[in-house]
Amino acid sequence: MIDWLLNHISTLFVSIVLLMIIIWIIRYMLNEKRQGKSSCGGQCGHCQMNHSCNHSS
């Protein structure tokens, strides 16, 4: 088991870093959504989906 870990340490390190980045992005997006911020940029007049947005104002 130790030999396998030592042989794959770089792969494990990169995988853990990528997983942490993905978790951070998901948490950031969820926090933005909870605060009512839009991820689309807010130009609803030019959006094809403007009829389906939830507008708070």
Protein backbone atom coordinates (compact mmCIF):
# COMPACT_ATOMS: atom_id res chain seq x y z
CA MET A 1 0.00 0.00 0.00
CA ILE A 2 2.80 2.41 0.86
CA ASP A 3 4.57 1.61 -2.40
CA TRP A 4 1.41 2.33 -4.37
CA LEU A 5 0.95 5.67 -2.57
CA LEU A 6 4.55 6.68 -3.24
CA ASN A 7 4.25 5.73 -6.92
CA HIS A 8 1.04 7.74 -7.35
CA ILE A 9 1.66 10.70 -5.04
CA SER A 10 1.71 13.26 -7.85
CA THR A 11 -1.57 11.96 -9.30
CA LEU A 12 -3.18 12.02 -5.87
CA PHE A 13 -1.91 15.53 -5.18
CA VAL A 14 -3.26 16.90 -8.48
CA SER A 15 -6.58 15.11 -7.96
CA ILE A 16 -6.98 16.53 -4.46
CA VAL A 17 -6.16 20.06 -5.64
CA LEU A 18 -8.67 19.79 -8.51
CA LEU A 19 -11.33 18.45 -6.16
CA MET A 20 -10.73 21.36 -3.78
CA ILE A 21 -11.08 23.85 -6.64
CA ILE A 22 -14.34 22.24 -7.80
CA ILE A 23 -15.75 22.30 -4.27
CA TRP A 24 -14.75 25.96 -3.91
CA ILE A 25 -16.47 26.86 -7.21
CA ILE A 26 -19.67 25.06 -6.21
CA ARG A 27 -19.71 26.75 -2.78
CA TYR A 28 -19.10 30.14 -4.41
CA MET A 29 -21.95 29.63 -6.87
CA LEU A 30 -24.33 28.48 -4.13
CA ASN A 31 -23.46 31.50 -1.97
CA GLU A 32 -24.03 33.83 -4.92
CA LYS A 33 -27.40 32.20 -5.58
CA ARG A 34 -28.42 32.49 -1.92
CA GLN A 35 -27.58 36.20 -2.02
CA GLY A 36 -29.77 36.62 -5.10
CA LYS A 37 -26.92 37.44 -7.44
CA SER A 38 -27.16 36.33 -11.03
CA SER A 39 -24.43 34.43 -12.82
CA CYS A 40 -25.59 35.56 -16.25
CA GLY A 41 -24.51 39.21 -16.12
CA GLY A 42 -27.95 40.74 -15.69
CA GLN A 43 -28.67 41.91 -19.24
CA CYS A 44 -32.06 40.25 -19.47
CA GLY A 45 -33.21 42.28 -22.46
CA HIS A 46 -30.66 40.53 -24.64
CA CYS A 47 -31.18 37.06 -23.20
CA GLN A 48 -33.19 34.37 -24.95
CA MET A 49 -34.27 33.07 -21.56
CA ASN A 50 -35.43 36.42 -20.16
CA HIS A 51 -38.98 35.15 -19.66
CA SER A 52 -37.82 32.40 -17.31
CA CYS A 53 -35.67 34.47 -14.92
CA ASN A 54 -36.69 35.08 -11.32
CA HIS A 55 -36.45 38.85 -10.94
CA SER A 56 -36.28 40.22 -7.43
CA SER A 57 -36.96 43.81 -8.50
